[in-house]
Amino acid sequence: MANFADSPHFDTHDDYYTPKWAWENIEHFIEAKFSKDNTNIFECFSKNSNEQSINNLKEMGWKVIGSKKFDFITNEGKEFLNLDNLGEQDLLNLPPNTVVISNPPYQRIKSFKQRHSNLKYKCFKKLLDYDIPFVILINQTHIFQKWSQELLKGKDIKFIFPSYKITYDKYKEGGIEKIDMGKGSPSYNTVYMTYKVLDKNEFI
């Protein structure tokens, strides 16, 4: 299974990106709680990308923090985000009313014992360490896996379940030349996982 997109740095072959409509289709859930006038969107998984997701969110009218030069795990390139210095636990001092909207990299966790060294696990854990609202796209099977249940237990997690499969934009290495994917769809189902955004699970 290929990486989820907007973090092609973590993919050894192809670049996959979140289509704009995937965010547009759930924007009303976000706007019900967070106004565009006073909300900052942190698109934190765009390292080495063509910044498609960052640009799409800006076109939708959001104020966006993000850069293809920023590494979410190491904070390398944080100077390109125009933020203050790091706070506690090596977390960025994000402005008030910041919401993460992004698509974390996919890297299969081969075993529960190996989870702490896995990139995906590190991304999920650090998101929760920030303790700010987020909306991310994940493979639906993650909901039932032991490592995610460990991280999410007792958290204000809700899901948005699409009635369709999300097909990602595919580019050749470097994220410049788009590849025609035809009419096929992925073999997996993607869902939106939210934190401190929804009062209940939603279906669209």
N, C-alpha and C. Protein backbone atom coordinates (compact mmCIF):
# COMPACT_ATOMS: atom_id res chain seq x y z
N MET A 1 0.85 -1.19 0.00
CA MET A 1 0.00 0.00 0.00
C MET A 1 0.88 1.24 0.00
N ALA A 2 0.54 2.21 -0.80
CA ALA A 2 1.36 3.41 -0.93
C ALA A 2 1.15 4.36 0.23
N ASN A 3 2.07 5.30 0.35
CA ASN A 3 1.94 6.31 1.39
C ASN A 3 0.72 7.18 1.16
N PHE A 4 0.08 7.64 2.27
CA PHE A 4 -0.86 8.73 2.12
C PHE A 4 -0.06 9.97 1.82
N ALA A 5 -0.67 10.92 1.17
CA ALA A 5 0.05 11.91 0.44
C ALA A 5 0.38 13.17 1.17
N ASP A 6 0.91 14.14 0.50
CA ASP A 6 1.35 15.41 1.05
C ASP A 6 2.57 15.26 1.94
N SER A 7 3.16 14.10 1.96
CA SER A 7 4.44 13.88 2.61
C SER A 7 5.26 12.93 1.74
N PRO A 8 5.51 13.29 0.48
CA PRO A 8 6.18 12.37 -0.43
C PRO A 8 7.60 12.04 0.01
N HIS A 9 8.15 12.79 0.95
CA HIS A 9 9.46 12.47 1.49
C HIS A 9 9.50 11.05 2.04
N PHE A 10 8.36 10.57 2.52
CA PHE A 10 8.32 9.29 3.19
C PHE A 10 8.00 8.15 2.22
N ASP A 11 7.80 8.46 0.96
CA ASP A 11 7.47 7.45 -0.03
C ASP A 11 8.71 7.19 -0.86
N THR A 12 9.01 5.93 -1.10
CA THR A 12 10.23 5.61 -1.83
C THR A 12 10.04 5.63 -3.33
N HIS A 13 8.80 5.73 -3.80
CA HIS A 13 8.57 5.69 -5.24
C HIS A 13 7.74 6.86 -5.74
N ASP A 14 6.49 6.93 -5.36
CA ASP A 14 5.57 7.89 -5.95
C ASP A 14 5.11 8.93 -4.95
N ASP A 15 4.58 10.01 -5.49
CA ASP A 15 4.04 11.10 -4.67
C ASP A 15 2.52 11.09 -4.80
N TYR A 16 1.84 11.04 -3.67
CA TYR A 16 0.39 11.07 -3.62
C TYR A 16 -0.06 12.28 -2.83
N TYR A 17 -1.13 12.94 -3.30
CA TYR A 17 -1.58 14.18 -2.68
C TYR A 17 -3.08 14.18 -2.46
N THR A 18 -3.49 14.86 -1.41
CA THR A 18 -4.91 14.96 -1.10
C THR A 18 -5.61 15.88 -2.10
N PRO A 19 -6.67 15.43 -2.76
CA PRO A 19 -7.39 16.31 -3.68
C PRO A 19 -8.13 17.39 -2.91
N LYS A 20 -8.30 18.53 -3.53
CA LYS A 20 -8.96 19.66 -2.88
C LYS A 20 -10.36 19.31 -2.42
N TRP A 21 -11.09 18.55 -3.23
CA TRP A 21 -12.48 18.24 -2.90
C TRP A 21 -12.60 17.41 -1.62
N ALA A 22 -11.54 16.71 -1.26
CA ALA A 22 -11.59 15.91 -0.04
C ALA A 22 -11.71 16.80 1.19
N TRP A 23 -11.12 17.99 1.13
CA TRP A 23 -11.28 18.96 2.22
C TRP A 23 -12.58 19.76 2.06
N GLU A 24 -12.93 20.09 0.84
CA GLU A 24 -14.16 20.85 0.61
C GLU A 24 -15.39 20.09 1.10
N ASN A 25 -15.37 18.77 0.95
CA ASN A 25 -16.54 17.97 1.31
C ASN A 25 -16.82 17.93 2.81
N ILE A 26 -15.82 18.26 3.62
CA ILE A 26 -16.03 18.21 5.08
C ILE A 26 -15.80 19.57 5.73
N GLU A 27 -15.63 20.59 4.90
CA GLU A 27 -15.33 21.93 5.42
C GLU A 27 -16.44 22.45 6.33
N HIS A 28 -17.69 22.11 6.04
CA HIS A 28 -18.79 22.63 6.85
C HIS A 28 -18.74 22.13 8.28
N PHE A 29 -18.17 20.94 8.49
CA PHE A 29 -18.01 20.44 9.86
C PHE A 29 -16.99 21.29 10.63
N ILE A 30 -15.95 21.71 9.94
CA ILE A 30 -14.91 22.53 10.57
C ILE A 30 -15.43 23.93 10.85
N GLU A 31 -16.11 24.51 9.85
CA GLU A 31 -16.60 25.88 10.00
C GLU A 31 -17.72 25.99 11.04
N ALA A 32 -18.36 24.89 11.36
CA ALA A 32 -19.40 24.92 12.39
C ALA A 32 -18.82 25.27 13.75
N LYS A 33 -17.51 25.06 13.91
CA LYS A 33 -16.87 25.31 15.20
C LYS A 33 -15.75 26.32 15.12
N PHE A 34 -15.15 26.47 13.93
CA PHE A 34 -13.99 27.33 13.78
C PHE A 34 -14.19 28.29 12.61
N SER A 35 -14.18 29.58 12.92
CA SER A 35 -14.39 30.60 11.90
C SER A 35 -13.10 30.83 11.11
N LYS A 36 -13.25 31.06 9.82
CA LYS A 36 -12.09 31.36 8.99
C LYS A 36 -11.41 32.67 9.41
N ASP A 37 -12.18 33.56 10.01
CA ASP A 37 -11.65 34.87 10.37
C ASP A 37 -10.61 34.79 11.48
N ASN A 38 -10.75 33.82 12.38
CA ASN A 38 -9.83 33.79 13.52
C ASN A 38 -9.23 32.41 13.76
N THR A 39 -9.15 31.60 12.71
CA THR A 39 -8.57 30.26 12.83
C THR A 39 -7.35 30.13 11.93
N ASN A 40 -6.30 29.52 12.46
CA ASN A 40 -5.11 29.20 11.68
C ASN A 40 -5.08 27.70 11.41
N ILE A 41 -4.91 27.34 10.16
CA ILE A 41 -4.79 25.94 9.79
C ILE A 41 -3.31 25.56 9.73
N PHE A 42 -2.95 24.52 10.45
CA PHE A 42 -1.58 24.01 10.43
C PHE A 42 -1.55 22.79 9.53
N GLU A 43 -1.01 22.94 8.32
CA GLU A 43 -0.84 21.81 7.39
C GLU A 43 0.57 21.30 7.64
N CYS A 44 0.69 20.32 8.52
CA CYS A 44 2.01 19.99 9.07
C CYS A 44 2.73 18.86 8.38
N PHE A 45 2.08 18.17 7.43
CA PHE A 45 2.72 17.04 6.76
C PHE A 45 2.93 17.34 5.28
N SER A 46 3.71 18.36 5.01
CA SER A 46 3.93 18.77 3.62
C SER A 46 5.40 18.73 3.22
N LYS A 47 6.22 18.10 4.03
CA LYS A 47 7.65 18.12 3.75
C LYS A 47 7.96 17.54 2.37
N ASN A 48 8.80 18.27 1.63
CA ASN A 48 9.27 17.87 0.30
C ASN A 48 8.13 17.68 -0.71
N SER A 49 7.00 18.32 -0.44
CA SER A 49 5.87 18.19 -1.35
C SER A 49 5.84 19.36 -2.33
N ASN A 50 4.82 19.38 -3.19
CA ASN A 50 4.60 20.55 -4.05
C ASN A 50 3.65 21.55 -3.38
N GLU A 51 3.37 21.30 -2.10
CA GLU A 51 2.51 22.18 -1.29
C GLU A 51 1.09 22.28 -1.84
N GLN A 52 0.64 21.23 -2.52
CA GLN A 52 -0.72 21.26 -3.07
C GLN A 52 -1.76 21.47 -1.98
N SER A 53 -1.64 20.75 -0.88
CA SER A 53 -2.65 20.86 0.18
C SER A 53 -2.63 22.25 0.81
N ILE A 54 -1.45 22.78 1.04
CA ILE A 54 -1.33 24.14 1.59
C ILE A 54 -2.04 25.14 0.68
N ASN A 55 -1.75 25.05 -0.61
CA ASN A 55 -2.33 25.99 -1.57
C ASN A 55 -3.85 25.80 -1.69
N ASN A 56 -4.31 24.55 -1.65
CA ASN A 56 -5.74 24.30 -1.74
C ASN A 56 -6.49 24.90 -0.56
N LEU A 57 -5.94 24.72 0.64
CA LEU A 57 -6.58 25.27 1.83
C LEU A 57 -6.60 26.79 1.79
N LYS A 58 -5.55 27.40 1.27
CA LYS A 58 -5.52 28.86 1.12
C LYS A 58 -6.59 29.30 0.13
N GLU A 59 -6.73 28.57 -0.98
CA GLU A 59 -7.75 28.91 -1.97
C GLU A 59 -9.16 28.79 -1.39
N MET A 60 -9.31 27.96 -0.40
CA MET A 60 -10.60 27.80 0.27
C MET A 60 -10.86 28.90 1.29
N GLY A 61 -9.88 29.79 1.47
CA GLY A 61 -10.08 30.95 2.33
C GLY A 61 -9.51 30.84 3.72
N TRP A 62 -8.72 29.79 3.99
CA TRP A 62 -8.14 29.62 5.31
C TRP A 62 -6.76 30.26 5.41
N LYS A 63 -6.41 30.70 6.60
CA LYS A 63 -5.05 31.14 6.89
C LYS A 63 -4.24 29.91 7.24
N VAL A 64 -3.17 29.66 6.50
CA VAL A 64 -2.47 28.37 6.60
C VAL A 64 -1.03 28.55 7.04
N ILE A 65 -0.64 27.72 8.00
CA ILE A 65 0.75 27.60 8.43
C ILE A 65 1.28 26.29 7.85
N GLY A 66 2.38 26.35 7.11
CA GLY A 66 2.92 25.13 6.53
C GLY A 66 4.02 25.44 5.55
N SER A 67 4.89 24.47 5.32
CA SER A 67 5.99 24.64 4.37
C SER A 67 6.54 23.28 3.98
N LYS A 68 6.92 23.17 2.72
CA LYS A 68 7.54 21.93 2.26
C LYS A 68 8.93 21.73 2.86
N LYS A 69 9.43 22.74 3.53
CA LYS A 69 10.76 22.64 4.15
C LYS A 69 10.69 22.27 5.63
N PHE A 70 9.47 22.08 6.15
CA PHE A 70 9.30 21.80 7.57
C PHE A 70 9.10 20.32 7.83
N ASP A 71 9.83 19.79 8.80
CA ASP A 71 9.71 18.41 9.22
C ASP A 71 8.96 18.35 10.55
N PHE A 72 7.79 17.75 10.55
CA PHE A 72 6.93 17.74 11.73
C PHE A 72 7.58 17.02 12.91
N ILE A 73 8.31 15.97 12.66
CA ILE A 73 8.89 15.16 13.73
C ILE A 73 10.10 15.85 14.35
N THR A 74 11.01 16.35 13.52
CA THR A 74 12.27 16.92 14.03
C THR A 74 12.21 18.43 14.24
N ASN A 75 11.21 19.09 13.67
CA ASN A 75 11.07 20.56 13.67
C ASN A 75 12.11 21.24 12.79
N GLU A 76 12.84 20.47 12.03
CA GLU A 76 13.76 21.08 11.07
C GLU A 76 12.97 21.93 10.08
N GLY A 77 13.46 23.14 9.82
CA GLY A 77 12.77 24.04 8.90
C GLY A 77 11.68 24.85 9.55
N LYS A 78 11.64 24.86 10.89
CA LYS A 78 10.58 25.61 11.58
C LYS A 78 10.64 27.10 11.29
N GLU A 79 11.84 27.59 10.89
CA GLU A 79 11.97 29.01 10.59
C GLU A 79 11.14 29.42 9.38
N PHE A 80 10.78 28.46 8.54
CA PHE A 80 9.97 28.77 7.37
C PHE A 80 8.48 28.90 7.71
N LEU A 81 8.12 28.64 8.95
CA LEU A 81 6.74 28.76 9.38
C LEU A 81 6.45 30.12 10.01
N ASN A 82 7.50 30.92 10.22
CA ASN A 82 7.37 32.25 10.83
C ASN A 82 6.70 32.18 12.20
N LEU A 83 7.18 31.22 13.02
CA LEU A 83 6.65 31.06 14.36
C LEU A 83 7.73 31.36 15.39
N ASP A 84 7.31 31.49 16.66
CA ASP A 84 8.25 31.70 17.74
C ASP A 84 9.05 30.43 18.00
N ASN A 85 9.93 30.49 18.98
CA ASN A 85 10.75 29.34 19.32
C ASN A 85 9.91 28.21 19.88
N LEU A 86 10.55 27.06 20.06
CA LEU A 86 9.87 25.90 20.58
C LEU A 86 9.46 26.09 22.02
N GLY A 87 8.36 25.45 22.39
CA GLY A 87 7.93 25.45 23.78
C GLY A 87 8.33 24.14 24.44
N GLU A 88 7.49 23.63 25.32
CA GLU A 88 7.79 22.40 26.02
C GLU A 88 7.67 21.19 25.09
N GLN A 89 8.42 20.13 25.40
CA GLN A 89 8.39 18.87 24.66
C GLN A 89 8.73 19.06 23.18
N ASP A 90 9.52 20.08 22.88
CA ASP A 90 9.89 20.35 21.48
C ASP A 90 8.68 20.60 20.60
N LEU A 91 7.64 21.17 21.17
CA LEU A 91 6.45 21.51 20.40
C LEU A 91 6.52 22.98 20.00
N LEU A 92 6.03 23.30 18.82
CA LEU A 92 6.02 24.68 18.35
C LEU A 92 5.05 25.53 19.17
N ASN A 93 5.39 26.78 19.34
CA ASN A 93 4.47 27.73 19.96
C ASN A 93 3.49 28.21 18.88
N LEU A 94 2.45 27.45 18.66
CA LEU A 94 1.47 27.78 17.64
C LEU A 94 0.55 28.89 18.13
N PRO A 95 0.06 29.72 17.22
CA PRO A 95 -0.86 30.79 17.63
C PRO A 95 -2.17 30.23 18.14
N PRO A 96 -2.92 31.01 18.92
CA PRO A 96 -4.23 30.55 19.40
C PRO A 96 -5.14 30.20 18.23
N ASN A 97 -6.10 29.34 18.51
CA ASN A 97 -7.10 28.94 17.50
C ASN A 97 -6.46 28.29 16.28
N THR A 98 -5.52 27.39 16.54
CA THR A 98 -4.89 26.63 15.46
C THR A 98 -5.53 25.25 15.36
N VAL A 99 -5.84 24.85 14.14
CA VAL A 99 -6.41 23.54 13.86
C VAL A 99 -5.54 22.85 12.82
N VAL A 100 -5.18 21.61 13.07
CA VAL A 100 -4.43 20.84 12.08
C VAL A 100 -5.39 20.24 11.07
N ILE A 101 -5.12 20.47 9.79
CA ILE A 101 -5.81 19.78 8.71
C ILE A 101 -4.72 19.22 7.81
N SER A 102 -4.61 17.91 7.76
CA SER A 102 -3.49 17.34 7.01
C SER A 102 -3.71 15.86 6.77
N ASN A 103 -2.73 15.27 6.10
CA ASN A 103 -2.78 13.87 5.75
C ASN A 103 -1.43 13.25 6.11
N PRO A 104 -1.35 12.58 7.26
CA PRO A 104 -0.05 12.06 7.72
C PRO A 104 0.49 10.97 6.81
N PRO A 105 1.79 10.77 6.84
CA PRO A 105 2.40 9.73 5.99
C PRO A 105 1.95 8.35 6.40
N TYR A 106 1.88 7.47 5.43
CA TYR A 106 1.52 6.09 5.71
C TYR A 106 2.80 5.25 5.75
N GLN A 107 2.96 4.55 6.85
CA GLN A 107 4.03 3.57 6.97
C GLN A 107 3.48 2.45 7.84
N ARG A 108 3.34 1.28 7.29
CA ARG A 108 2.70 0.19 8.00
C ARG A 108 3.45 -0.16 9.29
N ILE A 109 2.71 -0.27 10.38
CA ILE A 109 3.30 -0.70 11.63
C ILE A 109 3.29 -2.23 11.65
N LYS A 110 4.47 -2.83 11.54
CA LYS A 110 4.56 -4.27 11.34
C LYS A 110 4.20 -5.05 12.60
N SER A 111 4.49 -4.48 13.75
CA SER A 111 4.12 -5.15 14.99
C SER A 111 3.93 -4.12 16.09
N PHE A 112 3.13 -4.47 17.08
CA PHE A 112 2.88 -3.56 18.19
C PHE A 112 4.17 -3.24 18.93
N LYS A 113 5.07 -4.18 19.05
CA LYS A 113 6.33 -3.98 19.76
C LYS A 113 7.22 -2.95 19.06
N GLN A 114 7.07 -2.83 17.75
CA GLN A 114 7.92 -1.93 16.97
C GLN A 114 7.30 -0.54 16.79
N ARG A 115 6.17 -0.30 17.42
CA ARG A 115 5.41 0.91 17.13
C ARG A 115 6.17 2.20 17.43
N HIS A 116 6.99 2.22 18.47
CA HIS A 116 7.63 3.47 18.88
C HIS A 116 8.65 3.98 17.87
N SER A 117 9.16 3.12 17.02
CA SER A 117 10.12 3.53 16.00
C SER A 117 9.47 3.81 14.66
N ASN A 118 8.16 3.65 14.59
CA ASN A 118 7.44 3.82 13.34
C ASN A 118 7.07 5.28 13.10
N LEU A 119 7.26 5.74 11.87
CA LEU A 119 6.99 7.14 11.52
C LEU A 119 5.54 7.52 11.75
N LYS A 120 4.62 6.67 11.33
CA LYS A 120 3.20 6.98 11.48
C LYS A 120 2.83 7.11 12.96
N TYR A 121 3.32 6.18 13.77
CA TYR A 121 3.04 6.22 15.21
C TYR A 121 3.57 7.52 15.82
N LYS A 122 4.78 7.92 15.43
CA LYS A 122 5.38 9.15 15.94
C LYS A 122 4.53 10.37 15.56
N CYS A 123 4.00 10.36 14.33
CA CYS A 123 3.18 11.48 13.88
C CYS A 123 1.88 11.57 14.70
N PHE A 124 1.23 10.43 14.88
CA PHE A 124 -0.01 10.41 15.66
C PHE A 124 0.24 10.87 17.09
N LYS A 125 1.29 10.35 17.70
CA LYS A 125 1.58 10.68 19.09
C LYS A 125 1.88 12.17 19.26
N LYS A 126 2.66 12.73 18.33
CA LYS A 126 3.01 14.14 18.46
C LYS A 126 1.80 15.03 18.23
N LEU A 127 0.92 14.65 17.32
CA LEU A 127 -0.32 15.40 17.14
C LEU A 127 -1.10 15.48 18.45
N LEU A 128 -1.20 14.35 19.12
CA LEU A 128 -1.94 14.31 20.39
C LEU A 128 -1.20 15.08 21.48
N ASP A 129 0.14 15.11 21.42
CA ASP A 129 0.91 15.89 22.39
C ASP A 129 0.61 17.38 22.28
N TYR A 130 0.34 17.84 21.06
CA TYR A 130 -0.01 19.25 20.87
C TYR A 130 -1.35 19.58 21.54
N ASP A 131 -2.22 18.61 21.61
CA ASP A 131 -3.53 18.77 22.26
C ASP A 131 -4.33 19.92 21.65
N ILE A 132 -4.27 20.03 20.32
CA ILE A 132 -5.08 21.02 19.61
C ILE A 132 -5.99 20.28 18.63
N PRO A 133 -7.10 20.90 18.22
CA PRO A 133 -8.02 20.22 17.30
C PRO A 133 -7.32 19.81 16.00
N PHE A 134 -7.73 18.67 15.48
CA PHE A 134 -7.19 18.28 14.18
C PHE A 134 -8.21 17.46 13.39
N VAL A 135 -8.00 17.49 12.07
CA VAL A 135 -8.73 16.64 11.13
C VAL A 135 -7.69 16.04 10.22
N ILE A 136 -7.56 14.73 10.25
CA ILE A 136 -6.58 14.06 9.40
C ILE A 136 -7.24 12.90 8.68
N LEU A 137 -6.64 12.50 7.58
CA LEU A 137 -7.12 11.37 6.81
C LEU A 137 -6.33 10.12 7.18
N ILE A 138 -7.03 9.02 7.43
CA ILE A 138 -6.35 7.79 7.79
C ILE A 138 -7.01 6.60 7.09
N ASN A 139 -6.26 5.53 6.99
CA ASN A 139 -6.82 4.26 6.52
C ASN A 139 -7.80 3.77 7.57
N GLN A 140 -8.98 3.37 7.15
CA GLN A 140 -10.03 2.98 8.10
C GLN A 140 -9.59 1.84 9.01
N THR A 141 -8.71 0.97 8.55
CA THR A 141 -8.29 -0.16 9.36
C THR A 141 -7.53 0.27 10.61
N HIS A 142 -6.97 1.51 10.60
CA HIS A 142 -6.24 1.97 11.77
C HIS A 142 -7.11 2.03 13.02
N ILE A 143 -8.40 2.26 12.82
CA ILE A 143 -9.31 2.42 13.96
C ILE A 143 -9.28 1.18 14.86
N PHE A 144 -9.06 0.03 14.25
CA PHE A 144 -9.20 -1.23 14.98
C PHE A 144 -7.85 -1.82 15.43
N GLN A 145 -6.78 -1.13 15.12
CA GLN A 145 -5.47 -1.69 15.44
C GLN A 145 -5.03 -1.31 16.86
N LYS A 146 -4.27 -2.20 17.47
CA LYS A 146 -3.91 -2.07 18.88
C LYS A 146 -3.13 -0.81 19.16
N TRP A 147 -2.22 -0.44 18.26
CA TRP A 147 -1.38 0.74 18.49
C TRP A 147 -2.22 2.02 18.52
N SER A 148 -3.24 2.10 17.65
CA SER A 148 -4.06 3.31 17.62
C SER A 148 -4.99 3.36 18.82
N GLN A 149 -5.51 2.20 19.21
CA GLN A 149 -6.37 2.17 20.39
C GLN A 149 -5.61 2.59 21.64
N GLU A 150 -4.33 2.25 21.71
CA GLU A 150 -3.49 2.68 22.82
C GLU A 150 -3.36 4.20 22.85
N LEU A 151 -3.12 4.80 21.69
CA LEU A 151 -2.93 6.25 21.61
C LEU A 151 -4.23 7.01 21.83
N LEU A 152 -5.33 6.48 21.33
CA LEU A 152 -6.58 7.24 21.28
C LEU A 152 -7.50 7.00 22.47
N LYS A 153 -7.16 6.07 23.30
CA LYS A 153 -8.03 5.74 24.44
C LYS A 153 -8.27 6.97 25.32
N GLY A 154 -9.54 7.26 25.57
CA GLY A 154 -9.92 8.38 26.42
C GLY A 154 -9.83 9.73 25.77
N LYS A 155 -9.46 9.80 24.48
CA LYS A 155 -9.33 11.07 23.77
C LYS A 155 -10.65 11.44 23.09
N ASP A 156 -10.83 12.73 22.84
CA ASP A 156 -12.05 13.23 22.21
C ASP A 156 -11.98 13.02 20.70
N ILE A 157 -11.97 11.76 20.31
CA ILE A 157 -11.83 11.38 18.91
C ILE A 157 -13.20 11.06 18.32
N LYS A 158 -13.48 11.64 17.16
CA LYS A 158 -14.68 11.31 16.40
C LYS A 158 -14.26 11.13 14.94
N PHE A 159 -15.12 10.49 14.18
CA PHE A 159 -14.79 10.18 12.79
C PHE A 159 -15.85 10.71 11.83
N ILE A 160 -15.40 11.02 10.62
CA ILE A 160 -16.31 11.31 9.50
C ILE A 160 -16.11 10.18 8.51
N PHE A 161 -17.19 9.45 8.23
CA PHE A 161 -17.12 8.29 7.36
C PHE A 161 -17.71 8.63 5.99
N PRO A 162 -16.87 8.72 4.95
CA PRO A 162 -17.41 8.97 3.60
C PRO A 162 -18.11 7.72 3.06
N SER A 163 -19.10 7.95 2.23
CA SER A 163 -19.79 6.84 1.57
C SER A 163 -19.09 6.46 0.26
N TYR A 164 -17.91 7.00 0.04
CA TYR A 164 -17.16 6.80 -1.19
C TYR A 164 -15.67 6.67 -0.83
N LYS A 165 -14.91 6.18 -1.77
CA LYS A 165 -13.47 6.09 -1.58
C LYS A 165 -12.80 7.37 -2.07
N ILE A 166 -11.82 7.83 -1.34
CA ILE A 166 -11.07 9.02 -1.74
C ILE A 166 -9.90 8.57 -2.61
N THR A 167 -9.88 9.06 -3.83
CA THR A 167 -8.78 8.77 -4.76
C THR A 167 -7.80 9.92 -4.72
N TYR A 168 -6.56 9.63 -4.44
CA TYR A 168 -5.56 10.68 -4.28
C TYR A 168 -4.90 11.04 -5.59
N ASP A 169 -4.45 12.30 -5.67
CA ASP A 169 -3.72 12.76 -6.84
C ASP A 169 -2.32 12.16 -6.80
N LYS A 170 -1.90 11.64 -7.92
CA LYS A 170 -0.59 10.99 -8.00
C LYS A 170 0.32 11.77 -8.94
N TYR A 171 1.54 11.98 -8.49
CA TYR A 171 2.54 12.72 -9.28
C TYR A 171 3.80 11.88 -9.42
N LYS A 172 4.54 12.19 -10.45
CA LYS A 172 5.87 11.62 -10.55
C LYS A 172 6.74 12.22 -9.46
N GLU A 173 7.85 11.57 -9.20
CA GLU A 173 8.72 12.00 -8.10
C GLU A 173 9.04 13.49 -8.22
N GLY A 174 8.85 14.20 -7.13
CA GLY A 174 9.06 15.64 -7.12
C GLY A 174 7.77 16.42 -7.08
N GLY A 175 6.65 15.76 -7.39
CA GLY A 175 5.35 16.40 -7.26
C GLY A 175 5.04 17.45 -8.29
N ILE A 176 5.61 17.37 -9.48
CA ILE A 176 5.37 18.38 -10.52
C ILE A 176 4.45 17.84 -11.62
N GLU A 177 4.81 16.70 -12.17
CA GLU A 177 4.04 16.14 -13.28
C GLU A 177 2.99 15.16 -12.77
N LYS A 178 1.72 15.50 -12.99
CA LYS A 178 0.63 14.68 -12.50
C LYS A 178 0.42 13.46 -13.40
N ILE A 179 0.08 12.34 -12.77
CA ILE A 179 -0.14 11.08 -13.48
C ILE A 179 -1.64 10.82 -13.57
N ASP A 180 -2.09 10.45 -14.77
CA ASP A 180 -3.49 10.13 -14.97
C ASP A 180 -3.79 8.77 -14.31
N MET A 181 -4.67 8.78 -13.29
CA MET A 181 -4.98 7.56 -12.55
C MET A 181 -6.16 6.79 -13.15
N GLY A 182 -6.76 7.36 -14.20
CA GLY A 182 -7.91 6.70 -14.79
C GLY A 182 -9.12 6.72 -13.86
N LYS A 183 -9.96 5.72 -13.98
CA LYS A 183 -11.19 5.67 -13.19
C LYS A 183 -11.10 4.70 -12.02
N GLY A 184 -9.93 4.17 -11.77
CA GLY A 184 -9.77 3.22 -10.68
C GLY A 184 -9.85 3.90 -9.32
N SER A 185 -10.05 3.10 -8.28
CA SER A 185 -10.12 3.62 -6.91
C SER A 185 -9.21 2.78 -6.03
N PRO A 186 -8.78 3.33 -4.91
CA PRO A 186 -7.88 2.60 -4.01
C PRO A 186 -8.52 1.33 -3.47
N SER A 187 -7.70 0.41 -3.02
CA SER A 187 -8.20 -0.84 -2.45
C SER A 187 -8.60 -0.66 -0.99
N TYR A 188 -8.29 0.50 -0.42
CA TYR A 188 -8.58 0.77 0.99
C TYR A 188 -9.59 1.91 1.12
N ASN A 189 -10.23 1.98 2.27
CA ASN A 189 -11.15 3.07 2.58
C ASN A 189 -10.47 4.08 3.49
N THR A 190 -10.65 5.34 3.18
CA THR A 190 -10.10 6.41 3.99
C THR A 190 -11.21 7.08 4.79
N VAL A 191 -10.92 7.40 6.05
CA VAL A 191 -11.87 8.13 6.87
C VAL A 191 -11.17 9.36 7.45
N TYR A 192 -11.95 10.32 7.88
CA TYR A 192 -11.43 11.50 8.55
C TYR A 192 -11.44 11.24 10.05
N MET A 193 -10.30 11.35 10.67
CA MET A 193 -10.24 11.26 12.13
C MET A 193 -10.13 12.67 12.69
N THR A 194 -11.00 13.02 13.64
CA THR A 194 -11.00 14.36 14.20
C THR A 194 -10.75 14.31 15.70
N TYR A 195 -10.19 15.39 16.19
CA TYR A 195 -9.92 15.54 17.63
C TYR A 195 -10.40 16.92 18.06
N LYS A 196 -11.30 16.93 19.02
CA LYS A 196 -11.86 18.18 19.54
C LYS A 196 -12.53 19.03 18.46
N VAL A 197 -13.16 18.36 17.52
CA VAL A 197 -13.84 19.07 16.42
C VAL A 197 -15.33 18.73 16.39
N LEU A 198 -15.66 17.45 16.52
CA LEU A 198 -17.05 17.00 16.39
C LEU A 198 -17.63 16.56 17.74
N ASP A 199 -18.95 16.63 17.83
CA ASP A 199 -19.65 16.12 19.02
C ASP A 199 -20.05 14.66 18.85
N LYS A 200 -20.10 14.20 17.59
CA LYS A 200 -20.48 12.82 17.31
C LYS A 200 -19.90 12.41 15.97
N ASN A 201 -19.87 11.12 15.71
CA ASN A 201 -19.43 10.64 14.42
C ASN A 201 -20.40 11.11 13.33
N GLU A 202 -19.85 11.36 12.16
CA GLU A 202 -20.67 11.85 11.05
C GLU A 202 -20.48 10.94 9.83
N PHE A 203 -21.51 10.91 8.99
CA PHE A 203 -21.47 10.12 7.75
C PHE A 203 -21.83 11.05 6.58
N ILE A 204 -21.04 10.95 5.52
CA ILE A 204 -21.29 11.80 4.36
C ILE A 204 -21.33 10.95 3.08
